[in-house]
Amino acid sequence: VLQAVNRKTGKTIMPSQVQKLAGTVKPSTMRDEKQLRQLIKQVG
């Protein structure tokens, strides 16, 4: 997935970046629309 993102965007995303962001995600994040929208924007 990271390789596909890197190829498509032309930007190198390090696994540590994903892990850091993933560490902020809680089960409630996926249920709370405001938090989910913020997460989508952060991933983008």
All heavy atoms as atom14 arrays in JSON, in Angstrom:
{
  "sequence": "VLQAVNRKTGKTIMPSQVQKLAGTVKPSTMRDEKQLRQLIKQVG",
  "atom14_mask": [
    [1, 1, 1, 1, 1, 1, 1, 0, 0, 0, 0, 0, 0, 0],
    [1, 1, 1, 1, 1, 1, 1, 1, 0, 0, 0, 0, 0, 0],
    [1, 1, 1, 1, 1, 1, 1, 1, 1, 0, 0, 0, 0, 0],
    [1, 1, 1, 1, 1, 0, 0, 0, 0, 0, 0, 0, 0, 0],
    [1, 1, 1, 1, 1, 1, 1, 0, 0, 0, 0, 0, 0, 0],
    [1, 1, 1, 1, 1, 1, 1, 1, 0, 0, 0, 0, 0, 0],
    [1, 1, 1, 1, 1, 1, 1, 1, 1, 1, 1, 0, 0, 0],
    [1, 1, 1, 1, 1, 1, 1, 1, 1, 0, 0, 0, 0, 0],
    [1, 1, 1, 1, 1, 1, 1, 0, 0, 0, 0, 0, 0, 0],
    [1, 1, 1, 1, 0, 0, 0, 0, 0, 0, 0, 0, 0, 0],
    [1, 1, 1, 1, 1, 1, 1, 1, 1, 0, 0, 0, 0, 0],
    [1, 1, 1, 1, 1, 1, 1, 0, 0, 0, 0, 0, 0, 0],
    [1, 1, 1, 1, 1, 1, 1, 1, 0, 0, 0, 0, 0, 0],
    [1, 1, 1, 1, 1, 1, 1, 1, 0, 0, 0, 0, 0, 0],
    [1, 1, 1, 1, 1, 1, 1, 0, 0, 0, 0, 0, 0, 0],
    [1, 1, 1, 1, 1, 1, 0, 0, 0, 0, 0, 0, 0, 0],
    [1, 1, 1, 1, 1, 1, 1, 1, 1, 0, 0, 0, 0, 0],
    [1, 1, 1, 1, 1, 1, 1, 0, 0, 0, 0, 0, 0, 0],
    [1, 1, 1, 1, 1, 1, 1, 1, 1, 0, 0, 0, 0, 0],
    [1, 1, 1, 1, 1, 1, 1, 1, 1, 0, 0, 0, 0, 0],
    [1, 1, 1, 1, 1, 1, 1, 1, 0, 0, 0, 0, 0, 0],
    [1, 1, 1, 1, 1, 0, 0, 0, 0, 0, 0, 0, 0, 0],
    [1, 1, 1, 1, 0, 0, 0, 0, 0, 0, 0, 0, 0, 0],
    [1, 1, 1, 1, 1, 1, 1, 0, 0, 0, 0, 0, 0, 0],
    [1, 1, 1, 1, 1, 1, 1, 0, 0, 0, 0, 0, 0, 0],
    [1, 1, 1, 1, 1, 1, 1, 1, 1, 0, 0, 0, 0, 0],
    [1, 1, 1, 1, 1, 1, 1, 0, 0, 0, 0, 0, 0, 0],
    [1, 1, 1, 1, 1, 1, 0, 0, 0, 0, 0, 0, 0, 0],
    [1, 1, 1, 1, 1, 1, 1, 0, 0, 0, 0, 0, 0, 0],
    [1, 1, 1, 1, 1, 1, 1, 1, 0, 0, 0, 0, 0, 0],
    [1, 1, 1, 1, 1, 1, 1, 1, 1, 1, 1, 0, 0, 0],
    [1, 1, 1, 1, 1, 1, 1, 1, 0, 0, 0, 0, 0, 0],
    [1, 1, 1, 1, 1, 1, 1, 1, 1, 0, 0, 0, 0, 0],
    [1, 1, 1, 1, 1, 1, 1, 1, 1, 0, 0, 0, 0, 0],
    [1, 1, 1, 1, 1, 1, 1, 1, 1, 0, 0, 0, 0, 0],
    [1, 1, 1, 1, 1, 1, 1, 1, 0, 0, 0, 0, 0, 0],
    [1, 1, 1, 1, 1, 1, 1, 1, 1, 1, 1, 0, 0, 0],
    [1, 1, 1, 1, 1, 1, 1, 1, 1, 0, 0, 0, 0, 0],
    [1, 1, 1, 1, 1, 1, 1, 1, 0, 0, 0, 0, 0, 0],
    [1, 1, 1, 1, 1, 1, 1, 1, 0, 0, 0, 0, 0, 0],
    [1, 1, 1, 1, 1, 1, 1, 1, 1, 0, 0, 0, 0, 0],
    [1, 1, 1, 1, 1, 1, 1, 1, 1, 0, 0, 0, 0, 0],
    [1, 1, 1, 1, 1, 1, 1, 0, 0, 0, 0, 0, 0, 0],
    [1, 1, 1, 1, 0, 0, 0, 0, 0, 0, 0, 0, 0, 0]
  ],
  "atom14_positions": [
    [[0.84, -1.2, 0.0], [0.0, 0.0, 0.0], [0.87, 1.25, 0.0], [0.64, 2.18, -0.77], [-0.97, 0.0, 1.2], [-1.66, 1.35, 1.35], [-2.01, -1.1, 1.05], [0.0, 0.0, 0.0], [0.0, 0.0, 0.0], [0.0, 0.0, 0.0], [0.0, 0.0, 0.0], [0.0, 0.0, 0.0], [0.0, 0.0, 0.0], [0.0, 0.0, 0.0]],
    [[1.89, 1.27, 0.85], [2.8, 2.42, 0.88], [3.5, 2.62, -0.46], [3.64, 3.74, -0.93], [3.84, 2.27, 2.0], [3.39, 2.68, 3.39], [4.52, 2.46, 4.39], [2.92, 4.1, 3.43], [0.0, 0.0, 0.0], [0.0, 0.0, 0.0], [0.0, 0.0, 0.0], [0.0, 0.0, 0.0], [0.0, 0.0, 0.0], [0.0, 0.0, 0.0]],
    [[3.92, 1.53, -1.07], [4.58, 1.64, -2.37], [3.61, 2.2, -3.42], [4.0, 3.03, -4.24], [5.12, 0.28, -2.81], [6.34, -0.15, -2.03], [6.78, -1.57, -2.38], [6.08, -2.33, -3.03], [7.97, -1.92, -1.91], [0.0, 0.0, 0.0], [0.0, 0.0, 0.0], [0.0, 0.0, 0.0], [0.0, 0.0, 0.0], [0.0, 0.0, 0.0]],
    [[2.35, 1.76, -3.37], [1.35, 2.27, -4.32], [1.11, 3.76, -4.1], [1.02, 4.53, -5.06], [0.05, 1.49, -4.18], [0.0, 0.0, 0.0], [0.0, 0.0, 0.0], [0.0, 0.0, 0.0], [0.0, 0.0, 0.0], [0.0, 0.0, 0.0], [0.0, 0.0, 0.0], [0.0, 0.0, 0.0], [0.0, 0.0, 0.0], [0.0, 0.0, 0.0]],
    [[1.01, 4.17, -2.85], [0.82, 5.59, -2.54], [2.02, 6.38, -3.02], [1.88, 7.43, -3.65], [0.59, 5.81, -1.02], [0.65, 7.28, -0.66], [-0.74, 5.22, -0.59], [0.0, 0.0, 0.0], [0.0, 0.0, 0.0], [0.0, 0.0, 0.0], [0.0, 0.0, 0.0], [0.0, 0.0, 0.0], [0.0, 0.0, 0.0], [0.0, 0.0, 0.0]],
    [[3.21, 5.89, -2.74], [4.44, 6.59, -3.15], [4.52, 6.73, -4.66], [4.89, 7.79, -5.17], [5.67, 5.87, -2.6], [5.79, 5.99, -1.09], [5.19, 6.86, -0.47], [6.54, 5.11, -0.49], [0.0, 0.0, 0.0], [0.0, 0.0, 0.0], [0.0, 0.0, 0.0], [0.0, 0.0, 0.0], [0.0, 0.0, 0.0], [0.0, 0.0, 0.0]],
    [[4.17, 5.68, -5.38], [4.18, 5.74, -6.85], [3.14, 6.74, -7.36], [3.42, 7.52, -8.26], [3.89, 4.37, -7.46], [5.1, 3.48, -7.58], [4.83, 2.28, -8.47], [3.63, 1.54, -8.11], [3.59, 0.54, -7.22], [4.68, 0.17, -6.61], [2.47, -0.08, -6.96], [0.0, 0.0, 0.0], [0.0, 0.0, 0.0], [0.0, 0.0, 0.0]],
    [[1.95, 6.68, -6.81], [0.85, 7.5, -7.32], [1.06, 8.98, -7.01], [0.72, 9.84, -7.81], [-0.48, 7.02, -6.73], [-1.68, 7.68, -7.36], [-2.91, 6.86, -7.2], [-4.01, 7.49, -8.01], [-5.02, 6.56, -8.42], [0.0, 0.0, 0.0], [0.0, 0.0, 0.0], [0.0, 0.0, 0.0], [0.0, 0.0, 0.0], [0.0, 0.0, 0.0]],
    [[1.6, 9.27, -5.83], [1.73, 10.67, -5.42], [3.09, 11.26, -5.77], [3.24, 12.49, -5.77], [1.54, 10.81, -3.9], [2.58, 10.11, -3.22], [0.18, 10.31, -3.46], [0.0, 0.0, 0.0], [0.0, 0.0, 0.0], [0.0, 0.0, 0.0], [0.0, 0.0, 0.0], [0.0, 0.0, 0.0], [0.0, 0.0, 0.0], [0.0, 0.0, 0.0]],
    [[4.07, 10.41, -6.01], [5.42, 10.92, -6.26], [6.08, 11.4, -4.98], [7.12, 12.05, -5.01], [0.0, 0.0, 0.0], [0.0, 0.0, 0.0], [0.0, 0.0, 0.0], [0.0, 0.0, 0.0], [0.0, 0.0, 0.0], [0.0, 0.0, 0.0], [0.0, 0.0, 0.0], [0.0, 0.0, 0.0], [0.0, 0.0, 0.0], [0.0, 0.0, 0.0]],
    [[5.5, 11.11, -3.84], [6.03, 11.51, -2.54], [6.33, 10.25, -1.74], [5.56, 9.3, -1.79], [4.99, 12.37, -1.81], [5.45, 12.84, -0.46], [4.41, 13.73, 0.18], [4.86, 14.15, 1.56], [3.86, 14.91, 2.27], [0.0, 0.0, 0.0], [0.0, 0.0, 0.0], [0.0, 0.0, 0.0], [0.0, 0.0, 0.0], [0.0, 0.0, 0.0]],
    [[7.43, 10.25, -1.04], [7.78, 9.1, -0.23], [7.18, 9.24, 1.16], [7.48, 10.19, 1.87], [9.31, 8.95, -0.13], [9.83, 8.82, -1.45], [9.69, 7.73, 0.69], [0.0, 0.0, 0.0], [0.0, 0.0, 0.0], [0.0, 0.0, 0.0], [0.0, 0.0, 0.0], [0.0, 0.0, 0.0], [0.0, 0.0, 0.0], [0.0, 0.0, 0.0]],
    [[6.34, 8.29, 1.49], [5.75, 8.24, 2.83], [6.45, 7.12, 3.57], [6.5, 5.99, 3.09], [4.24, 7.97, 2.77], [3.55, 9.11, 2.02], [3.67, 7.83, 4.17], [2.09, 8.87, 1.78], [0.0, 0.0, 0.0], [0.0, 0.0, 0.0], [0.0, 0.0, 0.0], [0.0, 0.0, 0.0], [0.0, 0.0, 0.0], [0.0, 0.0, 0.0]],
    [[6.98, 7.45, 4.7], [7.7, 6.48, 5.5], [6.73, 5.73, 6.42], [5.76, 6.31, 6.9], [8.76, 7.18, 6.36], [9.76, 8.01, 5.57], [10.66, 7.07, 4.32], [11.57, 5.95, 5.34], [0.0, 0.0, 0.0], [0.0, 0.0, 0.0], [0.0, 0.0, 0.0], [0.0, 0.0, 0.0], [0.0, 0.0, 0.0], [0.0, 0.0, 0.0]],
    [[6.99, 4.45, 6.64], [6.13, 3.7, 7.55], [5.99, 4.37, 8.91], [4.93, 4.32, 9.53], [6.83, 2.35, 7.67], [7.61, 2.22, 6.41], [8.03, 3.63, 6.05], [0.0, 0.0, 0.0], [0.0, 0.0, 0.0], [0.0, 0.0, 0.0], [0.0, 0.0, 0.0], [0.0, 0.0, 0.0], [0.0, 0.0, 0.0], [0.0, 0.0, 0.0]],
    [[7.04, 5.03, 9.37], [6.99, 5.69, 10.67], [5.95, 6.81, 10.69], [5.31, 7.06, 11.71], [8.35, 6.24, 11.07], [8.8, 7.18, 10.1], [0.0, 0.0, 0.0], [0.0, 0.0, 0.0], [0.0, 0.0, 0.0], [0.0, 0.0, 0.0], [0.0, 0.0, 0.0], [0.0, 0.0, 0.0], [0.0, 0.0, 0.0], [0.0, 0.0, 0.0]],
    [[5.75, 7.48, 9.53], [4.74, 8.53, 9.45], [3.35, 7.93, 9.62], [2.5, 8.48, 10.33], [4.8, 9.25, 8.1], [6.02, 10.1, 7.9], [6.05, 10.66, 6.49], [6.42, 9.95, 5.55], [5.65, 11.89, 6.35], [0.0, 0.0, 0.0], [0.0, 0.0, 0.0], [0.0, 0.0, 0.0], [0.0, 0.0, 0.0], [0.0, 0.0, 0.0]],
    [[3.11, 6.8, 8.96], [1.81, 6.14, 9.06], [1.59, 5.64, 10.47], [0.51, 5.79, 11.05], [1.71, 4.98, 8.04], [0.4, 4.22, 8.22], [1.84, 5.51, 6.61], [0.0, 0.0, 0.0], [0.0, 0.0, 0.0], [0.0, 0.0, 0.0], [0.0, 0.0, 0.0], [0.0, 0.0, 0.0], [0.0, 0.0, 0.0], [0.0, 0.0, 0.0]],
    [[2.63, 5.05, 11.07], [2.52, 4.55, 12.43], [2.22, 5.67, 13.42], [1.41, 5.5, 14.33], [3.79, 3.81, 12.84], [3.95, 2.49, 12.13], [5.3, 1.85, 12.38], [6.23, 2.49, 12.84], [5.41, 0.57, 12.05], [0.0, 0.0, 0.0], [0.0, 0.0, 0.0], [0.0, 0.0, 0.0], [0.0, 0.0, 0.0], [0.0, 0.0, 0.0]],
    [[2.86, 6.82, 13.23], [2.62, 7.95, 14.12], [1.17, 8.41, 14.02], [0.51, 8.62, 15.03], [3.56, 9.1, 13.76], [3.44, 10.3, 14.66], [4.43, 11.38, 14.28], [4.25, 12.62, 15.13], [5.16, 13.68, 14.74], [0.0, 0.0, 0.0], [0.0, 0.0, 0.0], [0.0, 0.0, 0.0], [0.0, 0.0, 0.0], [0.0, 0.0, 0.0]],
    [[0.67, 8.54, 12.8], [-0.72, 8.94, 12.61], [-1.67, 7.87, 13.12], [-2.67, 8.18, 13.78], [-1.0, 9.25, 11.14], [-2.39, 9.78, 10.81], [-2.7, 11.05, 11.59], [-2.49, 10.06, 9.32], [0.0, 0.0, 0.0], [0.0, 0.0, 0.0], [0.0, 0.0, 0.0], [0.0, 0.0, 0.0], [0.0, 0.0, 0.0], [0.0, 0.0, 0.0]],
    [[-1.36, 6.61, 12.84], [-2.21, 5.51, 13.3], [-2.29, 5.47, 14.82], [-3.32, 5.09, 15.38], [-1.68, 4.18, 12.77], [0.0, 0.0, 0.0], [0.0, 0.0, 0.0], [0.0, 0.0, 0.0], [0.0, 0.0, 0.0], [0.0, 0.0, 0.0], [0.0, 0.0, 0.0], [0.0, 0.0, 0.0], [0.0, 0.0, 0.0], [0.0, 0.0, 0.0]],
    [[-1.21, 5.88, 15.48], [-1.2, 5.9, 16.94], [-2.2, 6.87, 17.53], [-2.57, 6.76, 18.7], [0.0, 0.0, 0.0], [0.0, 0.0, 0.0], [0.0, 0.0, 0.0], [0.0, 0.0, 0.0], [0.0, 0.0, 0.0], [0.0, 0.0, 0.0], [0.0, 0.0, 0.0], [0.0, 0.0, 0.0], [0.0, 0.0, 0.0], [0.0, 0.0, 0.0]],
    [[-2.65, 7.83, 16.74], [-3.63, 8.8, 17.24], [-5.07, 8.33, 17.03], [-5.99, 8.94, 17.55], [-3.47, 10.17, 16.53], [-3.83, 10.04, 15.14], [-2.06, 10.7, 16.66], [0.0, 0.0, 0.0], [0.0, 0.0, 0.0], [0.0, 0.0, 0.0], [0.0, 0.0, 0.0], [0.0, 0.0, 0.0], [0.0, 0.0, 0.0], [0.0, 0.0, 0.0]],
    [[-5.23, 7.25, 16.25], [-6.57, 6.76, 15.92], [-7.08, 5.85, 17.03], [-6.41, 4.92, 17.45], [-6.57, 6.0, 14.58], [-7.94, 5.45, 14.26], [-6.09, 6.91, 13.47], [0.0, 0.0, 0.0], [0.0, 0.0, 0.0], [0.0, 0.0, 0.0], [0.0, 0.0, 0.0], [0.0, 0.0, 0.0], [0.0, 0.0, 0.0], [0.0, 0.0, 0.0]],
    [[-8.27, 6.16, 17.49], [-8.94, 5.35, 18.52], [-10.19, 4.75, 17.89], [-10.66, 5.23, 16.84], [-9.32, 6.25, 19.69], [-8.15, 6.91, 20.36], [-8.62, 7.82, 21.47], [-7.43, 8.41, 22.19], [-7.12, 9.75, 21.82], [0.0, 0.0, 0.0], [0.0, 0.0, 0.0], [0.0, 0.0, 0.0], [0.0, 0.0, 0.0], [0.0, 0.0, 0.0]],
    [[-10.76, 3.73, 18.49], [-12.0, 3.18, 17.94], [-13.09, 4.25, 17.76], [-13.84, 4.22, 16.79], [-12.42, 2.14, 18.97], [-11.12, 1.69, 19.58], [-10.26, 2.95, 19.62], [0.0, 0.0, 0.0], [0.0, 0.0, 0.0], [0.0, 0.0, 0.0], [0.0, 0.0, 0.0], [0.0, 0.0, 0.0], [0.0, 0.0, 0.0], [0.0, 0.0, 0.0]],
    [[-13.11, 5.21, 18.65], [-14.12, 6.27, 18.55], [-13.91, 7.15, 17.32], [-14.86, 7.76, 16.82], [-14.12, 7.13, 19.81], [-12.86, 7.77, 19.97], [0.0, 0.0, 0.0], [0.0, 0.0, 0.0], [0.0, 0.0, 0.0], [0.0, 0.0, 0.0], [0.0, 0.0, 0.0], [0.0, 0.0, 0.0], [0.0, 0.0, 0.0], [0.0, 0.0, 0.0]],
    [[-12.68, 7.21, 16.81], [-12.38, 8.04, 15.64], [-13.21, 7.59, 14.45], [-13.72, 8.41, 13.69], [-10.88, 7.96, 15.28], [-10.11, 8.34, 16.41], [-10.54, 8.84, 14.09], [0.0, 0.0, 0.0], [0.0, 0.0, 0.0], [0.0, 0.0, 0.0], [0.0, 0.0, 0.0], [0.0, 0.0, 0.0], [0.0, 0.0, 0.0], [0.0, 0.0, 0.0]],
    [[-13.37, 6.3, 14.28], [-14.12, 5.77, 13.15], [-15.63, 5.95, 13.32], [-16.37, 5.88, 12.35], [-13.8, 4.3, 12.91], [-12.36, 4.07, 12.52], [-11.93, 4.92, 10.97], [-10.28, 4.4, 10.74], [0.0, 0.0, 0.0], [0.0, 0.0, 0.0], [0.0, 0.0, 0.0], [0.0, 0.0, 0.0], [0.0, 0.0, 0.0], [0.0, 0.0, 0.0]],
    [[-16.06, 6.17, 14.54], [-17.5, 6.36, 14.78], [-17.89, 7.83, 14.81], [-19.05, 8.17, 14.58], [-17.89, 5.68, 16.09], [-17.79, 4.17, 16.03], [-18.35, 3.51, 17.28], [-17.62, 3.85, 18.48], [-16.6, 3.17, 18.97], [-16.18, 2.09, 18.36], [-15.99, 3.53, 20.08], [0.0, 0.0, 0.0], [0.0, 0.0, 0.0], [0.0, 0.0, 0.0]],
    [[-16.95, 8.7, 15.12], [-17.22, 10.13, 15.21], [-16.93, 10.78, 13.85], [-15.77, 10.84, 13.42], [-16.34, 10.75, 16.3], [-16.6, 12.23, 16.49], [-16.49, 13.0, 15.5], [-16.91, 12.63, 17.62], [0.0, 0.0, 0.0], [0.0, 0.0, 0.0], [0.0, 0.0, 0.0], [0.0, 0.0, 0.0], [0.0, 0.0, 0.0], [0.0, 0.0, 0.0]],
    [[-17.97, 11.26, 13.18], [-17.79, 11.76, 11.82], [-16.8, 12.91, 11.74], [-15.99, 12.99, 10.81], [-19.14, 12.19, 11.24], [-19.04, 12.52, 9.78], [-20.38, 12.66, 9.09], [-21.33, 11.97, 9.46], [-20.44, 13.49, 8.16], [0.0, 0.0, 0.0], [0.0, 0.0, 0.0], [0.0, 0.0, 0.0], [0.0, 0.0, 0.0], [0.0, 0.0, 0.0]],
    [[-16.82, 13.81, 12.71], [-15.9, 14.95, 12.7], [-14.45, 14.47, 12.78], [-13.58, 14.92, 12.04], [-16.23, 15.9, 13.85], [-15.4, 17.15, 13.87], [-15.82, 18.07, 15.01], [-14.93, 19.3, 15.05], [-15.3, 20.2, 16.15], [0.0, 0.0, 0.0], [0.0, 0.0, 0.0], [0.0, 0.0, 0.0], [0.0, 0.0, 0.0], [0.0, 0.0, 0.0]],
    [[-14.19, 13.53, 13.69], [-12.84, 12.98, 13.84], [-12.42, 12.2, 12.6], [-11.26, 12.28, 12.16], [-12.76, 12.07, 15.06], [-12.86, 12.79, 16.38], [-12.8, 11.82, 17.55], [-12.4, 10.68, 17.41], [-13.21, 12.28, 18.72], [0.0, 0.0, 0.0], [0.0, 0.0, 0.0], [0.0, 0.0, 0.0], [0.0, 0.0, 0.0], [0.0, 0.0, 0.0]],
    [[-13.35, 11.46, 12.02], [-13.06, 10.67, 10.83], [-12.71, 11.6, 9.66], [-11.75, 11.36, 8.93], [-14.24, 9.78, 10.47], [-14.08, 8.88, 9.25], [-12.84, 8.0, 9.37], [-15.33, 8.04, 9.05], [0.0, 0.0, 0.0], [0.0, 0.0, 0.0], [0.0, 0.0, 0.0], [0.0, 0.0, 0.0], [0.0, 0.0, 0.0], [0.0, 0.0, 0.0]],
    [[-13.46, 12.66, 9.5], [-13.17, 13.63, 8.44], [-11.78, 14.24, 8.62], [-11.03, 14.4, 7.65], [-14.22, 14.74, 8.41], [-15.55, 14.27, 7.86], [-16.61, 15.37, 7.92], [-17.84, 14.89, 7.34], [-18.09, 14.86, 6.03], [-17.2, 15.31, 5.18], [-19.22, 14.37, 5.57], [0.0, 0.0, 0.0], [0.0, 0.0, 0.0], [0.0, 0.0, 0.0]],
    [[-11.43, 14.55, 9.85], [-10.11, 15.11, 10.14], [-9.01, 14.1, 9.8], [-7.99, 14.44, 9.22], [-10.01, 15.54, 11.61], [-8.7, 16.19, 11.97], [-8.44, 17.47, 11.19], [-9.35, 18.22, 10.87], [-7.18, 17.71, 10.85], [0.0, 0.0, 0.0], [0.0, 0.0, 0.0], [0.0, 0.0, 0.0], [0.0, 0.0, 0.0], [0.0, 0.0, 0.0]],
    [[-9.24, 12.84, 10.15], [-8.27, 11.78, 9.84], [-8.09, 11.64, 8.33], [-6.96, 11.53, 7.85], [-8.73, 10.45, 10.45], [-7.85, 9.24, 10.13], [-6.43, 9.41, 10.67], [-8.49, 7.98, 10.67], [0.0, 0.0, 0.0], [0.0, 0.0, 0.0], [0.0, 0.0, 0.0], [0.0, 0.0, 0.0], [0.0, 0.0, 0.0], [0.0, 0.0, 0.0]],
    [[-9.18, 11.66, 7.59], [-9.1, 11.55, 6.13], [-8.27, 12.7, 5.56], [-7.42, 12.5, 4.7], [-10.51, 11.53, 5.51], [-11.24, 10.24, 5.9], [-10.45, 11.67, 3.99], [-12.73, 10.26, 5.65], [0.0, 0.0, 0.0], [0.0, 0.0, 0.0], [0.0, 0.0, 0.0], [0.0, 0.0, 0.0], [0.0, 0.0, 0.0], [0.0, 0.0, 0.0]],
    [[-8.5, 13.9, 6.08], [-7.73, 15.06, 5.61], [-6.25, 14.92, 5.96], [-5.38, 15.27, 5.17], [-8.3, 16.35, 6.21], [-9.67, 16.7, 5.63], [-10.27, 17.89, 6.31], [-11.68, 18.14, 5.78], [-12.35, 19.24, 6.49], [0.0, 0.0, 0.0], [0.0, 0.0, 0.0], [0.0, 0.0, 0.0], [0.0, 0.0, 0.0], [0.0, 0.0, 0.0]],
    [[-5.96, 14.38, 7.15], [-4.57, 14.18, 7.56], [-3.87, 13.15, 6.67], [-2.73, 13.34, 6.26], [-4.49, 13.73, 9.02], [-4.81, 14.83, 10.01], [-4.84, 14.3, 11.43], [-5.47, 13.3, 11.73], [-4.13, 14.99, 12.3], [0.0, 0.0, 0.0], [0.0, 0.0, 0.0], [0.0, 0.0, 0.0], [0.0, 0.0, 0.0], [0.0, 0.0, 0.0]],
    [[-4.58, 12.07, 6.36], [-4.0, 11.04, 5.49], [-3.78, 11.62, 4.1], [-2.74, 11.4, 3.48], [-4.9, 9.78, 5.44], [-4.41, 8.81, 4.38], [-4.93, 9.1, 6.8], [0.0, 0.0, 0.0], [0.0, 0.0, 0.0], [0.0, 0.0, 0.0], [0.0, 0.0, 0.0], [0.0, 0.0, 0.0], [0.0, 0.0, 0.0], [0.0, 0.0, 0.0]],
    [[-4.74, 12.39, 3.61], [-4.59, 13.02, 2.3], [-3.4, 13.95, 2.25], [-2.63, 13.94, 1.29], [0.0, 0.0, 0.0], [0.0, 0.0, 0.0], [0.0, 0.0, 0.0], [0.0, 0.0, 0.0], [0.0, 0.0, 0.0], [0.0, 0.0, 0.0], [0.0, 0.0, 0.0], [0.0, 0.0, 0.0], [0.0, 0.0, 0.0], [0.0, 0.0, 0.0]]
  ]
}
